[in-house]
């Protein structure tokens, strides 16, 4: 279920990019320490990082990789899940309902 949900979110971002003629680039992120984030969107002057979880319950360990990523510049970090509420989780990390994608 997790892989299917992750692919659905990435495809939704691709649709948004192409239909809106956005100049952003989409990547999978992995650093030299093995820290991975499901989706990195490069907007040119800023980055958005998305950890995607097929869960309705938000747990602290779900944002571990987002907390470890250090990119220079303006960075927004999100946890996308089946949770129905947008809410702050940690400094600079927000939970988003998947429907907001």
Protein backbone atom coordinates (compact mmCIF):
# COMPACT_ATOMS: atom_id res chain seq x y z
CA UNK A 1 0.00 0.00 0.00
CA UNK A 2 2.84 2.40 0.86
CA UNK A 3 4.49 2.16 -2.57
CA UNK A 4 1.20 2.68 -4.40
CA UNK A 5 0.35 5.72 -2.24
CA UNK A 6 3.83 7.20 -2.73
CA UNK A 7 3.58 6.76 -6.51
CA UNK A 8 0.13 8.36 -6.54
CA UNK A 9 1.43 11.46 -4.74
CA UNK A 10 4.41 11.78 -7.09
CA UNK A 11 2.13 11.40 -10.13
CA UNK A 12 -0.19 14.08 -8.74
CA UNK A 13 2.81 16.42 -8.46
CA UNK A 14 3.81 15.60 -12.04
CA UNK A 15 0.29 16.40 -13.23
CA UNK A 16 0.39 19.68 -11.31
CA UNK A 17 3.78 20.51 -12.84
CA UNK A 18 2.78 19.81 -16.44
CA UNK A 19 -0.76 21.18 -16.31
CA UNK A 20 0.36 24.34 -14.52
CA UNK A 21 3.50 24.68 -16.67
CA UNK A 22 5.62 24.89 -13.55
CA UNK A 23 9.41 25.02 -13.86
CA UNK A 24 10.03 22.89 -10.79
CA UNK A 25 12.02 19.66 -10.94
CA UNK A 26 11.13 16.53 -8.95
CA UNK A 27 13.69 14.20 -7.38
CA UNK A 28 14.12 11.38 -4.92
CA UNK A 29 16.58 12.52 -2.23
CA UNK A 30 19.35 10.41 -0.68
CA UNK A 31 22.51 11.83 0.89
CA UNK A 32 25.89 10.22 1.55
CA UNK A 33 24.73 9.17 5.05
CA UNK A 34 21.80 7.18 3.61
CA UNK A 35 19.14 9.68 4.68
CA UNK A 36 16.25 9.42 2.22
CA UNK A 37 13.22 11.58 1.49
CA UNK A 38 10.50 10.43 -0.90
CA UNK A 39 10.14 13.63 -2.92
CA UNK A 40 12.26 16.76 -3.33
CA UNK A 41 10.83 19.56 -5.43
CA UNK A 42 13.38 22.08 -6.68
CA UNK A 43 11.61 25.37 -7.34
CA UNK A 44 14.78 27.18 -8.36
CA UNK A 45 15.10 29.47 -5.34
CA UNK A 46 13.61 27.07 -2.80
CA UNK A 47 13.13 23.38 -2.06
CA UNK A 48 10.16 21.43 -0.77
CA UNK A 49 10.72 18.03 0.82
CA UNK A 50 7.91 15.49 1.18
CA UNK A 51 7.95 12.32 3.22
CA UNK A 52 4.97 10.22 2.10
CA UNK A 53 3.34 7.71 4.45
CA UNK A 54 0.23 5.58 3.84
CA UNK A 55 -1.02 6.01 7.38
CA UNK A 56 -3.81 7.94 9.03
CA UNK A 57 -1.88 8.23 12.29
CA UNK A 58 1.08 10.62 12.34
CA UNK A 59 3.97 9.37 14.49
CA UNK A 60 7.23 11.18 15.39
CA UNK A 61 9.45 8.58 13.69
CA UNK A 62 7.81 9.39 10.34
CA UNK A 63 9.63 12.73 10.16
CA UNK A 64 13.05 11.47 11.26
CA UNK A 65 14.56 11.80 7.78
CA UNK A 66 13.06 15.27 7.27
CA UNK A 67 14.72 16.43 10.49
CA UNK A 68 18.11 15.11 9.32
CA UNK A 69 18.16 16.82 5.92
CA UNK A 70 20.17 20.04 5.81
CA UNK A 71 19.88 21.94 2.56
CA UNK A 72 21.00 25.51 2.12
CA UNK A 73 18.43 28.08 1.11
CA UNK A 74 14.71 28.21 1.69
CA UNK A 75 13.40 24.72 2.52
CA UNK A 76 9.86 23.63 3.37
CA UNK A 77 9.31 20.15 4.80
CA UNK A 78 6.09 18.14 4.78
CA UNK A 79 4.72 14.79 5.84
CA UNK A 80 1.94 13.70 3.47
CA UNK A 81 -0.42 11.02 4.74
CA UNK A 82 -4.05 9.95 5.06
CA UNK A 83 -4.33 12.20 8.13
CA UNK A 84 -7.17 14.65 7.50
CA UNK A 85 -5.68 17.72 9.21
CA UNK A 86 -2.92 20.13 8.33
CA UNK A 87 -0.82 20.63 11.45
CA UNK A 88 2.68 21.62 12.55
CA UNK A 89 4.78 18.65 13.66
CA UNK A 90 8.21 20.06 14.44
CA UNK A 91 10.24 23.16 13.66
CA UNK A 92 9.70 23.75 9.95
CA UNK A 93 7.80 20.48 9.34
CA UNK A 94 4.08 20.39 8.56
CA UNK A 95 1.69 17.46 8.21
CA UNK A 96 -0.42 17.69 5.06
CA UNK A 97 -3.50 15.68 4.14
CA UNK A 98 -2.91 13.96 0.82
CA UNK A 99 -5.84 15.82 -0.72
CA UNK A 100 -3.89 19.08 -0.50
CA UNK A 101 -1.45 17.75 -3.06
